[in-house]
């Protein structure tokens, strides 16, 4: 198997110092257990912080490093300032509470961002230093959200995975983070991004749409010419280890003692880290509520909460422990006897009572089902499923990003006649809230005028806009105009507009009310009517809500009008309905029949409607996608500014 480089904030080890001796031992925990097998089997490395070793002598540190090397662990040492600002600061005072919807715990200023970014750079540099061609890199958790992007810059062809071990919040919550864009772009450096639950995948996809304008297609999103996969991989426990532990004599003896002491008491058990996201205080309050409502359970109900200390150096956690201790003391004081020393308290109390009253046979059946699920999808299943997906993806060498569109310029320059097919919206100009606001600016008009003045260049604008609009904007220029995706064409200035023959739009009066209904119920959206087509625009609508409504509209149109001679097209914040048989590709042969066979052809577009144009370009022609979507084009540009720079380059400017 490929060598595995694991990158996490902490190494899976504990450094122990006793008098004059120092030793390194493996840490317990699900992540360390689950990843130990592929780590060892692949001969890979684990990169991370070994903990505070600042008080070790040089000799002790050398001994620690030797033992770490034997364990294939590479230490990254953090200074006291980095621990305070990167780990305890930005990671645990900003990202942790934000991802758990606890905005009231987040400082008003993200003063530790710079320390977070620099620490992530150090992790990325160390991983890149140890990388060998063919390695798989797996980055873990919210402390290192920038690392995948930094690694992609350093290792463009590496196979990189990232797993987010905590919840990913809704886009509204993530929007409160000032550095949200940098973090999202950092994650998108990975080839595969994993989360625990499908809801977190949905939140992440919505956040990408809202803040980067990237729409996730099922389980993939295109970013900077690369395909990034996203998925849910629920992480289990080391079930076998717990089963083995449960059968140890000491554990069985402890169980026996608990049963003997219980007499006719009912036992409730909770096991969690002592973390303010675990809801322990509310669980305690729920137990208190049960005892308030059912006095007969007082002295007969024992609740045992095992709480493992966590992040003891962070002030919020110390305060949380005090809160839990105070609650335990208060409840014991109110309802304790000499023998016993999210987040809906009432609902949890109801659930506790239901469990206490449940027949034993039903409890056992439920536990059998739960146990089977836990054993089937344990931590090893989690590791295998994520790595299987990641390593099953084509390598970057096998799926290289499209070459930069500026490279096509060299193939187009030089003598000989050239025919340019150019889309308008999203290609020559950026998108605007309403169609009429995207009129051509002076720079674009001059650029088109200069291109048309070249005797060796023929320019054709192929747009979805109405012919009246194109005529008003570009009618005085000596270029070809093609409106409504090729339904109407005017080959030269002064010629009459001609429509494609045999096109039917009898369905329009029945489809229009459906679009108008959506426009009425979705504030900010509107319907645009053209000669033979209709468009529902939602550019001014909240990105996530608009995308959901667009999907619903497309589904409804397919259900009601699937047999009609029309196409339903998703566009950039628009759903367009046009006659069947009309597409931009129909323009190409009509234009080229009047050109010499050796003419050089270029097509540039940004939308799904331009894919028909690209498909119609003859062999040897150049096709350029202006944007970040899936495309059949051979080259890619970032957007209108780069397209204009390309056209200026053609002019020699």
Foldseek 3Di string as FASTA:
>chain_A
DAAEEEEEAEDQWAWDDDPPDIDIDGHDDFVSVQCLVSNVVNVYAYEHAHPDPVPPDPVRVVVHVVNNVVSRYDHDYDDPVLCVQLPLNCQVQPVVCLLLVNVVSHDPDSVSPVSLVVVLLSSLVVCLVPDDPRYEYEYEEDSNLQNLLNNCVSPVQHAYEYEHETAGDALVSLVVDPCSVSSLNSNVSHQEYEYADPVSVVRNQLNCCQPVVWHADPFWTFDPLHIHGYDHQHAFAPLVVVVVVCPDPVNVVVVVVVVVLLPQADEAEAEEALDPSPQLLLLLLLVLVLCVVDVVNQVRYAYYYHYHYDPCVRPVSVVSVVVNVVSLCVSCVVRNDPSYSVRDSPVSNVVVVCVVPDDPVVVVVVVVVVSVVSVVRHNNVSVCVVVVVSVPDDTCVVVPGFAAPLVVLVVQADDAAEEEEEEQEFFQFDDDLDPVVGADDPLSVVLQQLQLPDPRYAYEYFYLAAPVRCCVRCLVHFHKYAYNQRQWIDGGRPGDIDGDPPWDQPCVVVLVVLLVVLPVVFPSWDWDDYDRKIKIARSVGRRVVLVVVLVVSVVVCCVPPVPPQWDWDDWSRMTMIGGHPRANLVVVVVNCVPPDPPYEYEYEEAIPRCQSVVVNDDPPHAYEHAPGDDHPGNHYHPTNVVSSVSSVVSVVD
